[in-house]
Amino acid sequence: MTWTRIRILLVATAILWPSLLSCSGVFAQQSKIGNLTGQAKRGKELYGRYCVGCHGSRGDGEGENAAYLNPKPRDFTMGLFKCRSTPSGSIPLDSDLFDTVGRGIDTTGMPRWLPLTPQNRADLVAYVKTFSGRFVEEKPDKPVDIATETPVTPESIQRGSEVYQSLKCFECHGEKGRGDGPSASSLRDSKENPIVPYDFTIGTRFKCGESDRDLYRIFMTGLDGTPMPSYVNWVTPAQAWDLVHYLRTLQADYGEKSKTADHKGLIARR
C-alpha cells in the first residue's frame, strides 16, 4: 500500500470515526423501566416516525415544526429535562422519560403518545438518551422524597397562600396564579427562548402531571431548562403540601370538585 493511500485512509477514518462511534453508541444504548428493557436501535425508527418533526434529526429541538411551536421543543443534546423525579441538575431516571412520553407536557406541543405500547416507549427513551453524552458519563441522582400528604384544611390553604407570597411565586405566576406576574414577559429558557409561566387557573393538569404528588414533586425538583427552580432547600415538606393545597383552589373547577364544608368559601376570588 502506498503512502498516499495510507494518508487517504487515515483522513477518511478521522472523518468517519465520530459517526461510527455515534452509531455504535446508538445501538448499545438501553433503557430500564421495571421489567422492560428498551433498545435504541428499535427506538430510532419510532423517533423518525413520531418525534423528528419537532425535535429534529439531531435531537436539538430544531425540527421542521419547531418554528411554529411555543414553547420550543426540548433540545435533547443538552441533557436538561423539565419532568424528573431527580434533584435539579441531575439527569432523569429512565422511568421519568418514559412517563413523559406517555403523559405529554401540558400547555406545550408535546402530546400524550397513547398509540405507543409500553415497549415502544421504552425503546424511544433508549434512543432519546443517545443524543446527550450525559447519559453515558453520569448516573442519575436518587429521586427526591415525596412526603406523606398533610390534610387539606382551611388552615393549610391559608398557610399555602402565605408560602406563595413569601417565595414570591406571584412575580412570575401572578397574584391569582394566571401566569401574568410582573416578571412574566422577561423570562427565558436555557436557550434564551421566551417562556411563559404556568397558568394555574386552567384545567386540572400541570406541566409534569395532574396529581397532588406531581405538583409537590415539581416544587422540590424544579423544571430544569426553565426559570422554575427547586425549592427543596427553601420549604419544609409541610409547607410544600400547603402550597399544593392553595394552588388547587386557583383552578377553575375547584368549587365543583370540592365537596366538603371545610373548603367552601376558600376558593380564591379571581
C-alpha atoms as a PDB file:
ATOM      1  CA  MET A   1       0.000   0.000   0.000  1.00  0.00           C
ATOM      2  CA  THR A   2       1.389   3.384  -0.991  1.00  0.00           C
ATOM      3  CA  TRP A   3       1.828   6.241   1.444  1.00  0.00           C
ATOM      4  CA  THR A   4      -0.760   8.237  -0.490  1.00  0.00           C
ATOM      5  CA  ARG A   5      -3.375   5.523   0.039  1.00  0.00           C
ATOM      6  CA  ILE A   6      -2.461   5.289   3.705  1.00  0.00           C
ATOM      7  CA  ARG A   7      -2.944   9.022   4.086  1.00  0.00           C
ATOM      8  CA  ILE A   8      -6.324   8.817   2.349  1.00  0.00           C
ATOM      9  CA  LEU A   9      -7.414   6.022   4.687  1.00  0.00           C
ATOM     10  CA  LEU A  10      -6.241   7.946   7.747  1.00  0.00           C
ATOM     11  CA  VAL A  11      -8.125  11.069   6.695  1.00  0.00           C
ATOM     12  CA  ALA A  12     -11.258   9.065   5.903  1.00  0.00           C
ATOM     13  CA  THR A  13     -11.065   7.315   9.272  1.00  0.00           C
ATOM     14  CA  ALA A  14     -10.702  10.641  11.084  1.00  0.00           C
ATOM     15  CA  ILE A  15     -13.787  11.966   9.310  1.00  0.00           C
ATOM     16  CA  LEU A  16     -15.925   8.876   9.781  1.00  0.00           C
ATOM     17  CA  TRP A  17     -14.833   7.855  13.288  1.00  0.00           C
ATOM     18  CA  PRO A  18     -17.196  10.188  15.184  1.00  0.00           C
ATOM     19  CA  SER A  19     -20.093   8.880  13.128  1.00  0.00           C
ATOM     20  CA  LEU A  20     -19.022   5.294  13.729  1.00  0.00           C
ATOM     21  CA  LEU A  21     -18.812   5.935  17.443  1.00  0.00           C
ATOM     22  CA  SER A  22     -22.192   7.609  17.361  1.00  0.00           C
ATOM     23  CA  CYS A  23     -23.799   4.678  15.585  1.00  0.00           C
ATOM     24  CA  SER A  24     -22.158   2.237  17.977  1.00  0.00           C
ATOM     25  CA  GLY A  25     -23.465   4.254  20.907  1.00  0.00           C
ATOM     26  CA  VAL A  26     -26.945   4.372  19.429  1.00  0.00           C
ATOM     27  CA  PHE A  27     -27.188   0.638  19.104  1.00  0.00           C
ATOM     28  CA  ALA A  28     -25.654   0.000  22.531  1.00  0.00           C
ATOM     29  CA  GLN A  29     -27.853   2.405  24.497  1.00  0.00           C
ATOM     30  CA  GLN A  30     -30.651   0.890  26.556  1.00  0.00           C
ATOM     31  CA  SER A  31     -33.340   1.968  28.973  1.00  0.00           C
ATOM     32  CA  LYS A  32     -34.665   0.118  32.009  1.00  0.00           C
ATOM     33  CA  ILE A  33     -38.220   0.675  33.190  1.00  0.00           C
ATOM     34  CA  GLY A  34     -39.442  -2.027  35.543  1.00  0.00           C
ATOM     35  CA  ASN A  35     -39.348  -5.300  33.631  1.00  0.00           C
ATOM     36  CA  LEU A  36     -38.984  -3.530  30.294  1.00  0.00           C
ATOM     37  CA  THR A  37     -35.674  -3.108  28.502  1.00  0.00           C
ATOM     38  CA  GLY A  38     -35.643  -0.522  25.744  1.00  0.00           C
ATOM     39  CA  GLN A  39     -33.301  -0.749  22.775  1.00  0.00           C
ATOM     40  CA  ALA A  40     -32.137   2.383  20.959  1.00  0.00           C
ATOM     41  CA  LYS A  41     -31.895   0.539  17.659  1.00  0.00           C
ATOM     42  CA  ARG A  42     -35.656  -0.026  17.715  1.00  0.00           C
ATOM     43  CA  GLY A  43     -36.303   3.407  19.174  1.00  0.00           C
ATOM     44  CA  LYS A  44     -34.581   5.139  16.263  1.00  0.00           C
ATOM     45  CA  GLU A  45     -37.343   4.097  13.875  1.00  0.00           C
ATOM     46  CA  LEU A  46     -40.024   5.271  16.301  1.00  0.00           C
ATOM     47  CA  TYR A  47     -38.239   8.590  16.739  1.00  0.00           C
ATOM     48  CA  GLY A  48     -38.207   9.105  12.974  1.00  0.00           C
ATOM     49  CA  ARG A  49     -41.937   8.478  12.832  1.00  0.00           C
ATOM     50  CA  TYR A  50     -43.206  10.375  15.861  1.00  0.00           C
ATOM     51  CA  CYS A  51     -40.583  12.837  17.110  1.00  0.00           C
ATOM     52  CA  VAL A  52     -38.258  14.089  14.386  1.00  0.00           C
ATOM     53  CA  GLY A  53     -40.707  16.702  13.096  1.00  0.00           C
ATOM     54  CA  CYS A  54     -40.384  18.731  16.305  1.00  0.00           C
ATOM     55  CA  HIS A  55     -37.150  17.607  17.963  1.00  0.00           C
ATOM     56  CA  GLY A  56     -35.112  17.276  14.757  1.00  0.00           C
ATOM     57  CA  SER A  57     -32.903  14.528  13.364  1.00  0.00           C
ATOM     58  CA  ARG A  58     -30.068  15.554  15.706  1.00  0.00           C
ATOM     59  CA  GLY A  59     -32.335  15.822  18.751  1.00  0.00           C
ATOM     60  CA  ASP A  60     -31.545  19.515  19.080  1.00  0.00           C
ATOM     61  CA  GLY A  61     -35.127  20.747  19.054  1.00  0.00           C
ATOM     62  CA  GLU A  62     -34.766  22.159  15.542  1.00  0.00           C
ATOM     63  CA  GLY A  63     -37.258  20.007  13.638  1.00  0.00           C
ATOM     64  CA  GLU A  64     -39.252  21.459  10.761  1.00  0.00           C
ATOM     65  CA  ASN A  65     -42.229  22.119  13.042  1.00  0.00           C
ATOM     66  CA  ALA A  66     -40.193  23.871  15.733  1.00  0.00           C
ATOM     67  CA  ALA A  67     -40.665  27.346  14.274  1.00  0.00           C
ATOM     68  CA  TYR A  68     -44.409  27.080  14.817  1.00  0.00           C
ATOM     69  CA  LEU A  69     -44.268  25.890  18.427  1.00  0.00           C
ATOM     70  CA  ASN A  70     -44.218  27.902  21.630  1.00  0.00           C
ATOM     71  CA  PRO A  71     -42.623  26.831  23.876  1.00  0.00           C
ATOM     72  CA  LYS A  72     -39.930  25.329  21.666  1.00  0.00           C
ATOM     73  CA  PRO A  73     -39.336  21.564  21.536  1.00  0.00           C
ATOM     74  CA  ARG A  74     -36.866  20.104  24.016  1.00  0.00           C
ATOM     75  CA  ASP A  75     -33.188  20.065  22.953  1.00  0.00           C
ATOM     76  CA  PHE A  76     -32.141  16.555  23.985  1.00  0.00           C
ATOM     77  CA  THR A  77     -28.447  17.243  23.370  1.00  0.00           C
ATOM     78  CA  MET A  78     -28.281  19.417  26.497  1.00  0.00           C
ATOM     79  CA  GLY A  79     -29.402  16.612  28.791  1.00  0.00           C
ATOM     80  CA  LEU A  80     -31.788  19.008  30.604  1.00  0.00           C
ATOM     81  CA  PHE A  81     -35.335  17.813  31.242  1.00  0.00           C
ATOM     82  CA  LYS A  82     -38.256  19.515  32.950  1.00  0.00           C
ATOM     83  CA  CYS A  83     -40.092  16.473  34.260  1.00  0.00           C
ATOM     84  CA  ARG A  84     -37.935  14.470  36.620  1.00  0.00           C
ATOM     85  CA  SER A  85     -38.090  12.756  39.965  1.00  0.00           C
ATOM     86  CA  THR A  86     -34.379  13.502  40.478  1.00  0.00           C
ATOM     87  CA  PRO A  87     -32.910  16.680  42.006  1.00  0.00           C
ATOM     88  CA  SER A  88     -32.278  19.794  39.948  1.00  0.00           C
ATOM     89  CA  GLY A  89     -29.142  19.391  37.837  1.00  0.00           C
ATOM     90  CA  SER A  90     -29.376  15.602  37.676  1.00  0.00           C
ATOM     91  CA  ILE A  91     -30.250  13.642  34.574  1.00  0.00           C
ATOM     92  CA  PRO A  92     -33.672  11.978  34.842  1.00  0.00           C
ATOM     93  CA  LEU A  93     -34.430   8.351  35.512  1.00  0.00           C
ATOM     94  CA  ASP A  94     -35.433   6.255  32.514  1.00  0.00           C
ATOM     95  CA  SER A  95     -38.858   5.993  34.115  1.00  0.00           C
ATOM     96  CA  ASP A  96     -39.142   9.810  34.167  1.00  0.00           C
ATOM     97  CA  LEU A  97     -38.669   9.983  30.396  1.00  0.00           C
ATOM     98  CA  PHE A  98     -40.982   7.004  29.941  1.00  0.00           C
ATOM     99  CA  ASP A  99     -43.723   8.753  31.912  1.00  0.00           C
ATOM    100  CA  THR A 100     -43.258  11.989  29.968  1.00  0.00           C
ATOM    101  CA  VAL A 101     -43.733  10.233  26.628  1.00  0.00           C
ATOM    102  CA  GLY A 102     -46.970   8.662  27.842  1.00  0.00           C
ATOM    103  CA  ARG A 103     -48.285  11.685  29.744  1.00  0.00           C
ATOM    104  CA  GLY A 104     -47.181  14.528  27.487  1.00  0.00           C
ATOM    105  CA  ILE A 105     -46.422  18.032  28.779  1.00  0.00           C
ATOM    106  CA  ASP A 106     -49.445  20.222  29.353  1.00  0.00           C
ATOM    107  CA  THR A 107     -49.726  23.587  27.521  1.00  0.00           C
ATOM    108  CA  THR A 108     -46.964  22.600  25.071  1.00  0.00           C
ATOM    109  CA  GLY A 109     -46.831  20.843  21.706  1.00  0.00           C
ATOM    110  CA  MET A 110     -45.809  17.596  23.421  1.00  0.00           C
ATOM    111  CA  PRO A 111     -48.895  15.318  23.350  1.00  0.00           C
ATOM    112  CA  ARG A 112     -49.714  12.096  25.150  1.00  0.00           C
ATOM    113  CA  TRP A 113     -48.353   9.367  22.882  1.00  0.00           C
ATOM    114  CA  LEU A 114     -51.148   6.944  23.648  1.00  0.00           C
ATOM    115  CA  PRO A 115     -50.669   4.902  20.427  1.00  0.00           C
ATOM    116  CA  LEU A 116     -47.267   3.751  21.669  1.00  0.00           C
ATOM    117  CA  THR A 117     -47.074   0.498  23.599  1.00  0.00           C
ATOM    118  CA  PRO A 118     -45.023   0.379  26.812  1.00  0.00           C
ATOM    119  CA  GLN A 119     -42.261  -1.401  24.881  1.00  0.00           C
ATOM    120  CA  ASN A 120     -42.349   1.305  22.193  1.00  0.00           C
ATOM    121  CA  ARG A 121     -41.965   3.964  24.846  1.00  0.00           C
ATOM    122  CA  ALA A 122     -39.045   2.151  26.463  1.00  0.00           C
ATOM    123  CA  ASP A 123     -37.302   1.845  23.085  1.00  0.00           C
ATOM    124  CA  LEU A 124     -37.924   5.510  22.349  1.00  0.00           C
ATOM    125  CA  VAL A 125     -36.431   6.519  25.696  1.00  0.00           C
ATOM    126  CA  ALA A 126     -33.312   4.497  24.916  1.00  0.00           C
ATOM    127  CA  TYR A 127     -32.867   6.352  21.628  1.00  0.00           C
ATOM    128  CA  VAL A 128     -33.508   9.792  23.120  1.00  0.00           C
ATOM    129  CA  LYS A 129     -30.702   9.123  25.599  1.00  0.00           C
ATOM    130  CA  THR A 130     -28.209   8.767  22.728  1.00  0.00           C
ATOM    131  CA  PHE A 131     -28.408  12.481  21.928  1.00  0.00           C
ATOM    132  CA  SER A 132     -26.613  13.544  25.108  1.00  0.00           C
ATOM    133  CA  GLY A 133     -23.300  12.265  26.415  1.00  0.00           C
ATOM    134  CA  ARG A 134     -24.572  12.914  29.934  1.00  0.00           C
ATOM    135  CA  PHE A 135     -26.365   9.555  29.862  1.00  0.00           C
ATOM    136  CA  VAL A 136     -23.026   7.848  29.266  1.00  0.00           C
ATOM    137  CA  GLU A 137     -20.921   9.935  31.621  1.00  0.00           C
ATOM    138  CA  GLU A 138     -23.351  10.389  34.530  1.00  0.00           C
ATOM    139  CA  LYS A 139     -25.693   8.422  36.720  1.00  0.00           C
ATOM    140  CA  PRO A 140     -28.996   9.919  37.893  1.00  0.00           C
ATOM    141  CA  ASP A 141     -29.161  11.060  41.494  1.00  0.00           C
ATOM    142  CA  LYS A 142     -31.515   9.458  43.972  1.00  0.00           C
ATOM    143  CA  PRO A 143     -35.112  10.650  43.463  1.00  0.00           C
ATOM    144  CA  VAL A 144     -36.377  13.420  45.705  1.00  0.00           C
ATOM    145  CA  ASP A 145     -38.509  12.103  48.553  1.00  0.00           C
ATOM    146  CA  ILE A 146     -42.222  12.849  48.460  1.00  0.00           C
ATOM    147  CA  ALA A 147     -43.509  13.242  51.987  1.00  0.00           C
ATOM    148  CA  THR A 148     -46.904  11.942  53.026  1.00  0.00           C
ATOM    149  CA  GLU A 149     -49.569  14.491  52.156  1.00  0.00           C
ATOM    150  CA  THR A 150     -50.902  16.552  55.027  1.00  0.00           C
ATOM    151  CA  PRO A 151     -54.676  17.062  55.476  1.00  0.00           C
ATOM    152  CA  VAL A 152     -56.437  19.584  53.254  1.00  0.00           C
ATOM    153  CA  THR A 153     -57.881  22.118  55.697  1.00  0.00           C
ATOM    154  CA  PRO A 154     -58.729  25.825  55.611  1.00  0.00           C
ATOM    155  CA  GLU A 155     -55.642  26.435  57.719  1.00  0.00           C
ATOM    156  CA  SER A 156     -53.414  24.542  55.277  1.00  0.00           C
ATOM    157  CA  ILE A 157     -54.800  26.528  52.332  1.00  0.00           C
ATOM    158  CA  GLN A 158     -54.232  29.803  54.173  1.00  0.00           C
ATOM    159  CA  ARG A 159     -50.655  28.821  55.005  1.00  0.00           C
ATOM    160  CA  GLY A 160     -50.141  27.874  51.365  1.00  0.00           C
ATOM    161  CA  SER A 161     -51.260  31.340  50.315  1.00  0.00           C
ATOM    162  CA  GLU A 162     -48.642  32.786  52.640  1.00  0.00           C
ATOM    163  CA  VAL A 163     -45.951  30.478  51.218  1.00  0.00           C
ATOM    164  CA  TYR A 164     -46.938  31.620  47.717  1.00  0.00           C
ATOM    165  CA  GLN A 165     -46.272  35.190  48.801  1.00  0.00           C
ATOM    166  CA  SER A 166     -43.104  34.520  50.772  1.00  0.00           C
ATOM    167  CA  LEU A 167     -41.485  32.616  47.891  1.00  0.00           C
ATOM    168  CA  LYS A 168     -42.569  35.422  45.554  1.00  0.00           C
ATOM    169  CA  CYS A 169     -44.307  32.979  43.229  1.00  0.00           C
ATOM    170  CA  PHE A 170     -46.540  35.872  42.193  1.00  0.00           C
ATOM    171  CA  GLU A 171     -43.626  37.594  40.436  1.00  0.00           C
ATOM    172  CA  CYS A 172     -43.874  35.037  37.644  1.00  0.00           C
ATOM    173  CA  HIS A 173     -47.259  33.350  38.099  1.00  0.00           C
ATOM    174  CA  GLY A 174     -49.203  36.438  39.143  1.00  0.00           C
ATOM    175  CA  GLU A 175     -51.214  37.258  42.239  1.00  0.00           C
ATOM    176  CA  LYS A 176     -54.048  34.947  41.151  1.00  0.00           C
ATOM    177  CA  GLY A 177     -51.863  32.306  39.503  1.00  0.00           C
ATOM    178  CA  ARG A 178     -52.724  33.254  35.928  1.00  0.00           C
ATOM    179  CA  GLY A 179     -49.114  33.349  34.723  1.00  0.00           C
ATOM    180  CA  ASP A 180     -49.197  37.124  34.382  1.00  0.00           C
ATOM    181  CA  GLY A 181     -46.772  38.271  37.057  1.00  0.00           C
ATOM    182  CA  PRO A 182     -44.548  41.352  36.585  1.00  0.00           C
ATOM    183  CA  SER A 183     -41.555  39.185  35.569  1.00  0.00           C
ATOM    184  CA  ALA A 184     -43.502  37.001  33.132  1.00  0.00           C
ATOM    185  CA  SER A 185     -42.618  38.898  29.957  1.00  0.00           C
ATOM    186  CA  SER A 186     -38.886  38.791  30.663  1.00  0.00           C
ATOM    187  CA  LEU A 187     -38.491  35.073  31.331  1.00  0.00           C
ATOM    188  CA  ARG A 188     -36.258  32.942  29.094  1.00  0.00           C
ATOM    189  CA  ASP A 189     -35.416  29.242  28.950  1.00  0.00           C
ATOM    190  CA  SER A 190     -31.912  27.726  28.810  1.00  0.00           C
ATOM    191  CA  LYS A 191     -31.680  28.534  25.088  1.00  0.00           C
ATOM    192  CA  GLU A 192     -32.842  32.149  25.575  1.00  0.00           C
ATOM    193  CA  ASN A 193     -36.267  31.478  24.106  1.00  0.00           C
ATOM    194  CA  PRO A 194     -39.168  33.374  25.727  1.00  0.00           C
ATOM    195  CA  ILE A 195     -41.085  31.172  28.148  1.00  0.00           C
ATOM    196  CA  VAL A 196     -44.481  31.742  29.728  1.00  0.00           C
ATOM    197  CA  PRO A 197     -45.124  30.930  33.426  1.00  0.00           C
ATOM    198  CA  TYR A 198     -47.775  28.315  34.080  1.00  0.00           C
ATOM    199  CA  ASP A 199     -51.375  29.473  34.460  1.00  0.00           C
ATOM    200  CA  PHE A 200     -52.773  27.554  37.432  1.00  0.00           C
ATOM    201  CA  THR A 201     -56.340  28.675  36.737  1.00  0.00           C
ATOM    202  CA  ILE A 202     -56.769  26.488  33.660  1.00  0.00           C
ATOM    203  CA  GLY A 203     -57.595  22.803  33.587  1.00  0.00           C
ATOM    204  CA  THR A 204     -56.654  20.191  36.153  1.00  0.00           C
ATOM    205  CA  ARG A 205     -53.222  19.197  34.865  1.00  0.00           C
ATOM    206  CA  PHE A 206     -49.751  20.632  35.375  1.00  0.00           C
ATOM    207  CA  LYS A 207     -46.623  20.574  33.213  1.00  0.00           C
ATOM    208  CA  CYS A 208     -45.479  17.276  34.662  1.00  0.00           C
ATOM    209  CA  GLY A 209     -48.632  15.524  35.811  1.00  0.00           C
ATOM    210  CA  GLU A 210     -52.007  16.073  37.380  1.00  0.00           C
ATOM    211  CA  SER A 211     -51.918  14.656  40.903  1.00  0.00           C
ATOM    212  CA  ASP A 212     -51.042  16.461  44.116  1.00  0.00           C
ATOM    213  CA  ARG A 213     -47.896  14.335  44.316  1.00  0.00           C
ATOM    214  CA  ASP A 214     -46.891  15.521  40.840  1.00  0.00           C
ATOM    215  CA  LEU A 215     -47.245  19.163  41.855  1.00  0.00           C
ATOM    216  CA  TYR A 216     -45.319  18.573  45.080  1.00  0.00           C
ATOM    217  CA  ARG A 217     -42.539  16.943  43.036  1.00  0.00           C
ATOM    218  CA  ILE A 218     -42.304  19.964  40.742  1.00  0.00           C
ATOM    219  CA  PHE A 219     -41.677  22.249  43.736  1.00  0.00           C
ATOM    220  CA  MET A 220     -38.917  20.020  45.020  1.00  0.00           C
ATOM    221  CA  THR A 221     -37.140  19.199  41.742  1.00  0.00           C
ATOM    222  CA  GLY A 222     -37.719  22.370  39.750  1.00  0.00           C
ATOM    223  CA  LEU A 223     -38.100  22.341  35.969  1.00  0.00           C
ATOM    224  CA  ASP A 224     -34.568  22.244  34.582  1.00  0.00           C
ATOM    225  CA  GLY A 225     -34.035  24.326  31.472  1.00  0.00           C
ATOM    226  CA  THR A 226     -36.611  26.867  32.688  1.00  0.00           C
ATOM    227  CA  PRO A 227     -36.598  29.660  35.316  1.00  0.00           C
ATOM    228  CA  MET A 228     -38.609  27.432  37.692  1.00  0.00           C
ATOM    229  CA  PRO A 229     -36.129  26.481  40.459  1.00  0.00           C
ATOM    230  CA  SER A 230     -36.141  23.730  43.022  1.00  0.00           C
ATOM    231  CA  TYR A 231     -37.434  24.729  46.456  1.00  0.00           C
ATOM    232  CA  VAL A 232     -36.232  21.608  48.232  1.00  0.00           C
ATOM    233  CA  ASN A 233     -33.861  23.684  50.366  1.00  0.00           C
ATOM    234  CA  TRP A 234     -36.310  26.533  50.923  1.00  0.00           C
ATOM    235  CA  VAL A 235     -39.522  24.931  52.147  1.00  0.00           C
ATOM    236  CA  THR A 236     -40.374  22.107  54.500  1.00  0.00           C
ATOM    237  CA  PRO A 237     -42.467  19.161  53.264  1.00  0.00           C
ATOM    238  CA  ALA A 238     -45.441  20.537  55.214  1.00  0.00           C
ATOM    239  CA  GLN A 239     -45.070  23.952  53.572  1.00  0.00           C
ATOM    240  CA  ALA A 240     -44.854  22.334  50.139  1.00  0.00           C
ATOM    241  CA  TRP A 241     -48.123  20.486  50.780  1.00  0.00           C
ATOM    242  CA  ASP A 242     -49.735  23.706  51.990  1.00  0.00           C
ATOM    243  CA  LEU A 243     -48.708  25.315  48.705  1.00  0.00           C
ATOM    244  CA  VAL A 244     -50.185  22.395  46.742  1.00  0.00           C
ATOM    245  CA  HIS A 245     -53.470  22.792  48.581  1.00  0.00           C
ATOM    246  CA  TYR A 246     -53.547  26.543  47.935  1.00  0.00           C
ATOM    247  CA  LEU A 247     -52.761  26.235  44.221  1.00  0.00           C
ATOM    248  CA  ARG A 248     -55.580  23.750  43.820  1.00  0.00           C
ATOM    249  CA  THR A 249     -58.023  26.459  44.920  1.00  0.00           C
ATOM    250  CA  LEU A 250     -56.930  28.609  41.978  1.00  0.00           C
ATOM    251  CA  GLN A 251     -58.137  26.075  39.435  1.00  0.00           C
ATOM    252  CA  ALA A 252     -61.352  26.920  37.615  1.00  0.00           C
ATOM    253  CA  ASP A 253     -63.165  23.736  38.634  1.00  0.00           C
ATOM    254  CA  TYR A 254     -62.053  23.733  42.255  1.00  0.00           C
ATOM    255  CA  GLY A 255     -65.519  24.701  43.504  1.00  0.00           C
ATOM    256  CA  GLU A 256     -67.105  21.761  41.673  1.00  0.00           C
ATOM    257  CA  LYS A 257     -64.519  19.263  42.861  1.00  0.00           C
ATOM    258  CA  SER A 258     -64.586  20.449  46.458  1.00  0.00           C
ATOM    259  CA  LYS A 259     -67.411  18.702  48.269  1.00  0.00           C
ATOM    260  CA  THR A 260     -66.549  19.340  51.894  1.00  0.00           C
ATOM    261  CA  ALA A 261     -67.807  22.212  54.004  1.00  0.00           C
ATOM    262  CA  ASP A 262     -64.230  22.918  55.039  1.00  0.00           C
ATOM    263  CA  HIS A 263     -63.411  24.109  51.534  1.00  0.00           C
ATOM    264  CA  LYS A 264     -66.468  26.300  50.964  1.00  0.00           C
ATOM    265  CA  GLY A 265     -65.684  29.968  50.851  1.00  0.00           C
ATOM    266  CA  LEU A 266     -61.981  29.306  50.353  1.00  0.00           C
ATOM    267  CA  ILE A 267     -61.963  29.493  46.575  1.00  0.00           C
ATOM    268  CA  ALA A 268     -59.642  32.298  45.520  1.00  0.00           C
ATOM    269  CA  ARG A 269     -61.537  35.214  44.010  1.00  0.00           C
ATOM    270  CA  ARG A 270     -60.228  35.794  40.520  1.00  0.00           C
END
